[in-house]
N, C-alpha and C. Protein backbone atom coordinates (compact mmCIF):
# COMPACT_ATOMS: atom_id res chain seq x y z
N UNK A 1 -10.34 182.64 -149.26
CA UNK A 1 -11.75 182.34 -149.29
C UNK A 1 -12.47 182.89 -148.08
N UNK A 2 -11.74 183.10 -146.96
CA UNK A 2 -12.39 183.61 -145.77
C UNK A 2 -12.81 182.52 -144.80
N UNK A 3 -12.90 181.28 -145.26
CA UNK A 3 -13.23 180.17 -144.37
C UNK A 3 -12.06 179.20 -144.42
N UNK A 4 -11.39 179.07 -143.30
CA UNK A 4 -10.30 178.13 -143.19
C UNK A 4 -10.56 177.32 -141.94
N UNK A 5 -11.09 176.15 -142.09
CA UNK A 5 -11.55 175.42 -140.91
C UNK A 5 -11.09 173.97 -140.93
N UNK A 6 -9.83 173.72 -140.63
CA UNK A 6 -9.38 172.35 -140.45
C UNK A 6 -9.85 171.85 -139.10
N UNK A 7 -9.82 172.74 -138.11
CA UNK A 7 -10.29 172.43 -136.76
C UNK A 7 -11.13 173.59 -136.26
N UNK A 8 -12.26 173.28 -135.67
CA UNK A 8 -13.10 174.31 -135.08
C UNK A 8 -13.34 173.98 -133.62
N UNK A 9 -12.83 174.79 -132.73
CA UNK A 9 -12.95 174.53 -131.31
C UNK A 9 -14.31 174.94 -130.77
N UNK A 10 -14.88 174.11 -129.92
CA UNK A 10 -16.17 174.38 -129.27
C UNK A 10 -16.12 173.84 -127.84
N UNK A 11 -16.98 174.37 -126.99
CA UNK A 11 -17.07 173.89 -125.61
C UNK A 11 -18.06 172.74 -125.50
N UNK A 12 -18.72 172.37 -126.60
CA UNK A 12 -19.75 171.35 -126.58
C UNK A 12 -19.51 170.31 -127.67
N UNK A 13 -19.98 169.09 -127.42
CA UNK A 13 -19.88 167.98 -128.36
C UNK A 13 -21.06 167.98 -129.32
N UNK A 14 -20.88 167.42 -130.51
CA UNK A 14 -21.98 167.21 -131.44
C UNK A 14 -21.77 165.88 -132.15
N UNK A 15 -22.86 165.17 -132.40
CA UNK A 15 -22.80 163.93 -133.18
C UNK A 15 -22.92 164.21 -134.68
N UNK A 16 -23.07 165.49 -135.05
CA UNK A 16 -23.22 165.86 -136.46
C UNK A 16 -21.98 165.50 -137.26
N UNK A 17 -22.18 164.87 -138.40
CA UNK A 17 -21.13 164.62 -139.38
C UNK A 17 -21.70 164.99 -140.73
N UNK A 18 -20.87 165.56 -141.59
CA UNK A 18 -21.33 165.97 -142.91
C UNK A 18 -21.26 167.48 -143.05
N UNK A 19 -22.01 168.02 -144.04
CA UNK A 19 -21.97 169.46 -144.31
C UNK A 19 -22.49 170.25 -143.12
N UNK A 20 -21.75 171.30 -142.80
CA UNK A 20 -22.14 172.21 -141.72
C UNK A 20 -21.97 173.63 -142.24
N UNK A 21 -23.05 174.38 -142.23
CA UNK A 21 -23.00 175.77 -142.69
C UNK A 21 -22.38 176.64 -141.62
N UNK A 22 -21.52 177.54 -142.02
CA UNK A 22 -20.82 178.42 -141.09
C UNK A 22 -21.58 179.74 -141.00
N UNK A 23 -21.96 180.09 -139.77
CA UNK A 23 -22.75 181.30 -139.52
C UNK A 23 -21.96 182.26 -138.65
N UNK A 24 -21.87 183.50 -139.06
CA UNK A 24 -21.18 184.53 -138.27
C UNK A 24 -22.08 184.96 -137.11
N UNK A 25 -21.47 185.19 -135.97
CA UNK A 25 -22.22 185.63 -134.78
C UNK A 25 -22.90 186.97 -135.01
N UNK A 26 -23.91 187.25 -134.21
CA UNK A 26 -24.64 188.51 -134.33
C UNK A 26 -23.85 189.68 -133.75
N UNK A 27 -23.03 189.41 -132.75
CA UNK A 27 -22.29 190.47 -132.06
C UNK A 27 -21.12 190.95 -132.91
N UNK A 28 -21.05 192.25 -133.10
CA UNK A 28 -19.92 192.85 -133.82
C UNK A 28 -18.68 192.76 -132.94
N UNK A 29 -17.61 192.12 -133.42
CA UNK A 29 -16.40 192.01 -132.59
C UNK A 29 -15.71 193.36 -132.43
N UNK A 30 -15.04 193.51 -131.30
CA UNK A 30 -14.26 194.73 -131.08
C UNK A 30 -12.96 194.64 -131.85
N UNK A 31 -12.30 195.76 -132.02
CA UNK A 31 -11.00 195.79 -132.68
C UNK A 31 -10.01 194.89 -131.93
N UNK A 32 -10.05 194.92 -130.61
CA UNK A 32 -9.15 194.09 -129.79
C UNK A 32 -9.44 192.60 -130.00
N UNK A 33 -10.71 192.21 -130.07
CA UNK A 33 -11.06 190.82 -130.30
C UNK A 33 -10.58 190.34 -131.67
N UNK A 34 -10.78 191.17 -132.68
CA UNK A 34 -10.32 190.84 -134.03
C UNK A 34 -8.81 190.67 -134.05
N UNK A 35 -8.11 191.60 -133.45
CA UNK A 35 -6.64 191.55 -133.43
C UNK A 35 -6.13 190.29 -132.70
N UNK A 36 -6.78 189.92 -131.60
CA UNK A 36 -6.37 188.73 -130.84
C UNK A 36 -6.50 187.46 -131.69
N UNK A 37 -7.60 187.33 -132.41
CA UNK A 37 -7.81 186.15 -133.26
C UNK A 37 -6.84 186.17 -134.44
N UNK A 38 -6.64 187.34 -135.05
CA UNK A 38 -5.70 187.44 -136.15
C UNK A 38 -4.28 187.10 -135.70
N UNK A 39 -3.89 187.55 -134.51
CA UNK A 39 -2.57 187.23 -133.97
C UNK A 39 -2.42 185.73 -133.75
N UNK A 40 -3.49 185.10 -133.28
CA UNK A 40 -3.46 183.66 -133.07
C UNK A 40 -3.22 182.92 -134.40
N UNK A 41 -3.90 183.35 -135.46
CA UNK A 41 -3.70 182.74 -136.77
C UNK A 41 -2.29 182.99 -137.29
N UNK A 42 -1.76 184.18 -137.07
CA UNK A 42 -0.39 184.47 -137.49
C UNK A 42 0.62 183.59 -136.77
N UNK A 43 0.39 183.33 -135.48
CA UNK A 43 1.28 182.46 -134.71
C UNK A 43 1.26 181.03 -135.26
N UNK A 44 0.09 180.57 -135.66
CA UNK A 44 -0.06 179.19 -136.14
C UNK A 44 0.38 179.03 -137.59
N UNK A 45 -0.03 179.96 -138.43
CA UNK A 45 0.15 179.81 -139.88
C UNK A 45 1.29 180.66 -140.48
N UNK A 46 1.80 181.59 -139.72
CA UNK A 46 2.86 182.45 -140.26
C UNK A 46 2.28 183.68 -140.94
N UNK A 47 3.14 184.44 -141.56
CA UNK A 47 2.75 185.73 -142.12
C UNK A 47 2.05 185.66 -143.48
N UNK A 48 1.82 184.46 -144.01
CA UNK A 48 1.18 184.35 -145.32
C UNK A 48 -0.35 184.36 -145.25
N UNK A 49 -0.91 184.67 -144.09
CA UNK A 49 -2.36 184.72 -143.92
C UNK A 49 -2.88 186.07 -144.41
N UNK A 50 -3.93 186.03 -145.21
CA UNK A 50 -4.58 187.27 -145.67
C UNK A 50 -5.92 187.37 -144.96
N UNK A 51 -6.08 188.44 -144.20
CA UNK A 51 -7.31 188.64 -143.44
C UNK A 51 -8.28 189.52 -144.23
N UNK A 52 -9.59 189.29 -144.04
CA UNK A 52 -10.57 190.13 -144.73
C UNK A 52 -10.55 191.56 -144.18
N UNK A 53 -10.98 192.49 -144.98
CA UNK A 53 -11.08 193.89 -144.53
C UNK A 53 -12.32 194.10 -143.68
N UNK A 54 -13.31 193.22 -143.84
CA UNK A 54 -14.59 193.36 -143.16
C UNK A 54 -15.02 192.00 -142.63
N UNK A 55 -15.53 191.96 -141.41
CA UNK A 55 -16.04 190.72 -140.82
C UNK A 55 -17.55 190.83 -140.68
N UNK A 56 -18.30 190.08 -141.52
CA UNK A 56 -19.77 190.17 -141.46
C UNK A 56 -20.32 189.59 -140.16
N UNK A 57 -21.50 190.03 -139.79
CA UNK A 57 -22.20 189.50 -138.63
C UNK A 57 -23.58 189.01 -139.08
N UNK A 58 -24.16 188.12 -138.28
CA UNK A 58 -25.50 187.58 -138.56
C UNK A 58 -25.67 187.16 -140.02
N UNK A 59 -24.76 186.31 -140.48
CA UNK A 59 -24.80 185.89 -141.88
C UNK A 59 -24.22 184.49 -142.05
N UNK A 60 -24.72 183.78 -143.05
CA UNK A 60 -24.15 182.50 -143.44
C UNK A 60 -22.99 182.81 -144.38
N UNK A 61 -21.81 182.27 -144.05
CA UNK A 61 -20.59 182.60 -144.78
C UNK A 61 -20.17 181.52 -145.77
N UNK A 62 -20.55 180.28 -145.50
CA UNK A 62 -20.14 179.15 -146.33
C UNK A 62 -20.36 177.87 -145.57
N UNK A 63 -19.58 176.84 -145.90
CA UNK A 63 -19.75 175.56 -145.24
C UNK A 63 -18.44 174.79 -145.14
N UNK A 64 -18.44 173.78 -144.31
CA UNK A 64 -17.35 172.82 -144.19
C UNK A 64 -17.98 171.43 -144.12
N UNK A 65 -17.16 170.41 -144.25
CA UNK A 65 -17.61 169.04 -144.06
C UNK A 65 -17.00 168.55 -142.75
N UNK A 66 -17.85 168.23 -141.77
CA UNK A 66 -17.38 167.76 -140.47
C UNK A 66 -17.10 166.27 -140.56
N UNK A 67 -15.84 165.90 -140.35
CA UNK A 67 -15.45 164.49 -140.37
C UNK A 67 -15.58 163.84 -139.00
N UNK A 68 -15.27 164.60 -137.94
CA UNK A 68 -15.29 164.02 -136.60
C UNK A 68 -15.32 165.14 -135.57
N UNK A 69 -15.66 164.80 -134.35
CA UNK A 69 -15.58 165.71 -133.22
C UNK A 69 -14.79 164.99 -132.14
N UNK A 70 -13.65 165.57 -131.75
CA UNK A 70 -12.74 164.91 -130.81
C UNK A 70 -12.63 165.68 -129.51
N UNK A 71 -12.53 164.95 -128.41
CA UNK A 71 -12.18 165.64 -127.16
C UNK A 71 -10.77 166.20 -127.30
N UNK A 72 -10.50 167.28 -126.66
CA UNK A 72 -9.21 167.97 -126.78
C UNK A 72 -8.03 167.03 -126.58
N UNK A 73 -8.09 166.11 -125.63
CA UNK A 73 -6.95 165.28 -125.29
C UNK A 73 -6.55 164.29 -126.38
N UNK A 74 -7.42 164.06 -127.37
CA UNK A 74 -7.11 163.09 -128.43
C UNK A 74 -6.34 163.68 -129.59
N UNK A 75 -5.94 164.93 -129.50
CA UNK A 75 -5.21 165.54 -130.61
C UNK A 75 -4.10 166.40 -130.05
N UNK A 76 -3.25 166.88 -130.94
CA UNK A 76 -2.11 167.68 -130.50
C UNK A 76 -2.25 169.16 -130.84
N UNK A 77 -3.37 169.55 -131.40
CA UNK A 77 -3.56 170.95 -131.75
C UNK A 77 -3.61 171.82 -130.50
N UNK A 78 -3.00 172.98 -130.57
CA UNK A 78 -3.07 173.92 -129.46
C UNK A 78 -4.39 174.66 -129.56
N UNK A 79 -5.28 174.38 -128.64
CA UNK A 79 -6.60 174.96 -128.68
C UNK A 79 -7.18 174.88 -127.27
N UNK A 80 -7.78 175.96 -126.81
CA UNK A 80 -8.32 175.98 -125.46
C UNK A 80 -9.73 175.41 -125.37
N UNK A 81 -10.30 174.99 -126.49
CA UNK A 81 -11.66 174.45 -126.50
C UNK A 81 -11.70 173.02 -125.99
N UNK A 82 -12.84 172.64 -125.45
CA UNK A 82 -13.02 171.30 -124.91
C UNK A 82 -13.12 170.24 -126.02
N UNK A 83 -13.71 170.62 -127.17
CA UNK A 83 -13.87 169.71 -128.30
C UNK A 83 -13.36 170.37 -129.58
N UNK A 84 -12.82 169.55 -130.48
CA UNK A 84 -12.39 170.04 -131.78
C UNK A 84 -13.21 169.37 -132.88
N UNK A 85 -13.83 170.19 -133.71
CA UNK A 85 -14.53 169.70 -134.88
C UNK A 85 -13.48 169.56 -135.99
N UNK A 86 -13.27 168.33 -136.48
CA UNK A 86 -12.30 168.07 -137.54
C UNK A 86 -13.03 168.25 -138.86
N UNK A 87 -12.59 169.23 -139.65
CA UNK A 87 -13.32 169.62 -140.86
C UNK A 87 -12.44 169.58 -142.10
N UNK A 88 -13.08 169.49 -143.25
CA UNK A 88 -12.38 169.57 -144.54
C UNK A 88 -13.32 170.23 -145.54
N UNK A 89 -12.80 170.47 -146.74
CA UNK A 89 -13.59 170.99 -147.86
C UNK A 89 -14.33 172.29 -147.54
N UNK A 90 -13.63 173.24 -146.95
CA UNK A 90 -14.24 174.54 -146.66
C UNK A 90 -14.57 175.27 -147.96
N UNK A 91 -15.78 175.82 -148.03
CA UNK A 91 -16.21 176.59 -149.20
C UNK A 91 -16.91 177.86 -148.74
N UNK A 92 -16.45 178.98 -149.25
CA UNK A 92 -17.07 180.26 -148.91
C UNK A 92 -18.13 180.62 -149.95
N UNK A 93 -19.21 181.21 -149.47
CA UNK A 93 -20.22 181.73 -150.41
C UNK A 93 -19.65 182.97 -151.08
N UNK A 94 -19.98 183.22 -152.35
CA UNK A 94 -19.50 184.43 -153.01
C UNK A 94 -19.95 185.71 -152.29
N UNK A 95 -21.16 185.64 -151.73
CA UNK A 95 -21.73 186.77 -150.97
C UNK A 95 -22.39 186.18 -149.73
N UNK A 96 -22.03 186.70 -148.55
CA UNK A 96 -22.65 186.19 -147.33
C UNK A 96 -24.15 186.49 -147.35
N UNK A 97 -24.92 185.61 -146.71
CA UNK A 97 -26.38 185.75 -146.70
C UNK A 97 -26.83 186.08 -145.29
N UNK A 98 -27.47 187.22 -145.12
CA UNK A 98 -27.97 187.63 -143.81
C UNK A 98 -28.91 186.56 -143.26
N UNK A 99 -28.70 186.23 -142.00
CA UNK A 99 -29.48 185.18 -141.36
C UNK A 99 -29.43 185.39 -139.86
N UNK A 100 -30.57 185.26 -139.21
CA UNK A 100 -30.64 185.49 -137.78
C UNK A 100 -29.83 184.47 -137.00
N UNK A 101 -29.88 183.22 -137.37
CA UNK A 101 -29.11 182.19 -136.69
C UNK A 101 -29.71 181.78 -135.37
N UNK A 102 -29.13 180.72 -134.82
CA UNK A 102 -29.54 180.19 -133.52
C UNK A 102 -28.29 179.70 -132.80
N UNK A 103 -28.46 179.27 -131.57
CA UNK A 103 -27.33 178.80 -130.77
C UNK A 103 -26.92 177.39 -131.21
N UNK A 104 -25.64 177.15 -131.28
CA UNK A 104 -25.05 175.85 -131.64
C UNK A 104 -25.45 175.45 -133.06
N UNK A 105 -25.84 174.19 -133.26
CA UNK A 105 -26.19 173.68 -134.60
C UNK A 105 -27.70 173.61 -134.73
N UNK A 106 -28.21 174.10 -135.86
CA UNK A 106 -29.65 174.06 -136.11
C UNK A 106 -29.89 173.76 -137.58
N UNK A 107 -31.11 173.39 -137.90
CA UNK A 107 -31.50 173.08 -139.27
C UNK A 107 -31.94 174.35 -139.98
N UNK A 108 -31.39 174.58 -141.17
CA UNK A 108 -31.81 175.74 -141.98
C UNK A 108 -33.23 175.51 -142.49
N UNK A 109 -33.97 176.59 -142.63
CA UNK A 109 -35.29 176.51 -143.26
C UNK A 109 -35.13 176.16 -144.74
N UNK A 110 -36.19 175.65 -145.36
CA UNK A 110 -36.12 175.21 -146.77
C UNK A 110 -35.69 176.32 -147.71
N UNK A 111 -36.27 177.52 -147.57
CA UNK A 111 -35.93 178.62 -148.47
C UNK A 111 -34.50 179.08 -148.26
N UNK A 112 -34.09 179.19 -147.01
CA UNK A 112 -32.72 179.61 -146.70
C UNK A 112 -31.71 178.58 -147.24
N UNK A 113 -32.02 177.30 -147.09
CA UNK A 113 -31.16 176.24 -147.58
C UNK A 113 -31.04 176.30 -149.10
N UNK A 114 -32.16 176.50 -149.78
CA UNK A 114 -32.15 176.62 -151.24
C UNK A 114 -31.30 177.82 -151.69
N UNK A 115 -31.40 178.92 -150.96
CA UNK A 115 -30.65 180.13 -151.29
C UNK A 115 -29.15 179.90 -151.19
N UNK A 116 -28.70 179.28 -150.10
CA UNK A 116 -27.25 179.06 -149.93
C UNK A 116 -26.74 178.03 -150.92
N UNK A 117 -27.53 177.01 -151.22
CA UNK A 117 -27.10 176.02 -152.22
C UNK A 117 -26.98 176.64 -153.59
N UNK A 118 -27.92 177.53 -153.96
CA UNK A 118 -27.85 178.22 -155.26
C UNK A 118 -26.55 179.00 -155.39
N UNK A 119 -26.13 179.65 -154.31
CA UNK A 119 -24.90 180.43 -154.35
C UNK A 119 -23.67 179.54 -154.40
N UNK A 120 -23.72 178.42 -153.73
CA UNK A 120 -22.56 177.55 -153.61
C UNK A 120 -22.30 176.77 -154.90
N UNK A 121 -23.38 176.27 -155.49
CA UNK A 121 -23.22 175.44 -156.67
C UNK A 121 -23.82 176.14 -157.87
């Protein structure tokens, strides 16, 4: 599906619980950055991981349901982030939707929200 988010590491806390839309960063990752993240997933999940051929930027990719946000010390996951977003029910959009995005968590505009919901359901 392209979105696999049981845990999402962040340096900041959020009180948000519920649906969270996943937005790709604006910056195009380098080949080295992509390889480093892919290697990390291979170490955790083994060789059965299928990576996308293309990584979109500045786009809404899908959503997850945030159940909790935990400080790193409350869990056993290997992650260098200060906080872990505990997520379930990851769903990828059939086609990513170009979107400028903002820093951290923000509210989607009405039209943008309607567009992503139409694709999802």
